[in-house]
Amino acid sequence: MPSAPRSWLAALLLSIFLGHLGIDRFYLGYVGKGLLKLVTFGGLGVWWIYDMIVIGVGRLPDADGRELVRPF
């Protein structure tokens, strides 16, 4: 059963504030990558910054391959 569409704004805010813990990846459905990001503290910051940029410009879909829903 497919999940509900995920919000771009929620993903971006989670990435900015909790991305170093992988919470953004968990939200998007990437559990394995979220765990890896959690144990490496966001890839020592590199992966965290990368995800903020990729989510911000809208290039990271959710785990089901769907684009994130923008509020505008």
Protein backbone atom coordinates (compact mmCIF):
# COMPACT_ATOMS: atom_id res chain seq x y z
CA MET A 1 0.00 0.00 0.00
CA PRO A 2 1.58 3.31 -1.05
CA SER A 3 2.14 5.98 1.57
CA ALA A 4 0.73 9.49 1.47
CA PRO A 5 2.66 12.14 -0.48
CA ARG A 6 5.46 13.69 1.54
CA SER A 7 5.91 17.41 2.02
CA TRP A 8 8.93 19.23 0.58
CA LEU A 9 8.83 21.83 3.35
CA ALA A 10 8.72 19.20 6.11
CA ALA A 11 11.63 17.33 4.50
CA LEU A 12 13.65 20.54 4.18
CA LEU A 13 13.05 21.60 7.79
CA LEU A 14 13.87 18.13 9.06
CA SER A 15 17.05 18.17 7.00
CA ILE A 16 18.13 21.56 8.33
CA PHE A 17 17.42 20.91 12.00
CA LEU A 18 17.71 17.12 12.39
CA GLY A 19 19.53 16.04 9.24
CA HIS A 20 22.72 15.18 11.09
CA LEU A 21 20.68 12.43 12.79
CA GLY A 22 19.19 11.15 9.52
CA ILE A 23 15.62 12.09 10.44
CA ASP A 24 15.06 13.57 6.97
CA ARG A 25 15.94 10.25 5.33
CA PHE A 26 13.64 8.35 7.71
CA TYR A 27 10.82 10.78 6.81
CA LEU A 28 11.38 10.19 3.09
CA GLY A 29 11.28 6.41 3.57
CA TYR A 30 15.00 5.66 3.23
CA VAL A 31 15.37 3.70 6.49
CA GLY A 32 18.75 2.14 5.67
CA LYS A 33 20.28 5.44 4.62
CA GLY A 34 18.72 7.09 7.67
CA LEU A 35 20.42 4.59 9.96
CA LEU A 36 23.74 5.06 8.19
CA LYS A 37 23.42 8.82 8.43
CA LEU A 38 22.53 8.49 12.12
CA VAL A 39 25.60 6.44 13.07
CA THR A 40 27.95 8.69 11.05
CA PHE A 41 26.40 11.95 12.33
CA GLY A 42 25.40 13.00 8.84
CA GLY A 43 28.57 11.69 7.24
CA LEU A 44 30.54 14.04 9.52
CA GLY A 45 28.50 16.92 8.15
CA VAL A 46 29.16 16.36 4.45
CA TRP A 47 26.11 14.19 3.79
CA TRP A 48 23.99 16.52 5.93
CA ILE A 49 24.91 19.57 3.81
CA TYR A 50 24.47 17.59 0.60
CA ASP A 51 20.95 16.51 1.61
CA MET A 52 19.95 20.07 2.54
CA ILE A 53 20.95 21.24 -0.94
CA VAL A 54 19.38 18.33 -2.82
CA ILE A 55 16.11 18.55 -0.91
CA GLY A 56 16.10 22.35 -1.18
CA VAL A 57 16.31 22.31 -4.98
CA GLY A 58 13.80 19.44 -5.19
CA ARG A 59 16.06 16.73 -6.63
CA LEU A 60 15.49 14.05 -3.98
CA PRO A 61 12.28 12.02 -4.40
CA ASP A 62 10.80 9.90 -1.62
CA ALA A 63 11.56 6.18 -1.39
CA ASP A 64 8.59 5.42 -3.67
CA GLY A 65 10.08 7.62 -6.41
CA ARG A 66 7.50 10.40 -6.09
CA GLU A 67 8.39 14.09 -6.06
CA LEU A 68 7.85 15.93 -2.81
CA VAL A 69 4.72 18.10 -2.59
CA ARG A 70 5.53 21.82 -2.46
CA PRO A 71 3.22 24.23 -0.63
CA PHE A 72 3.22 26.71 -3.54
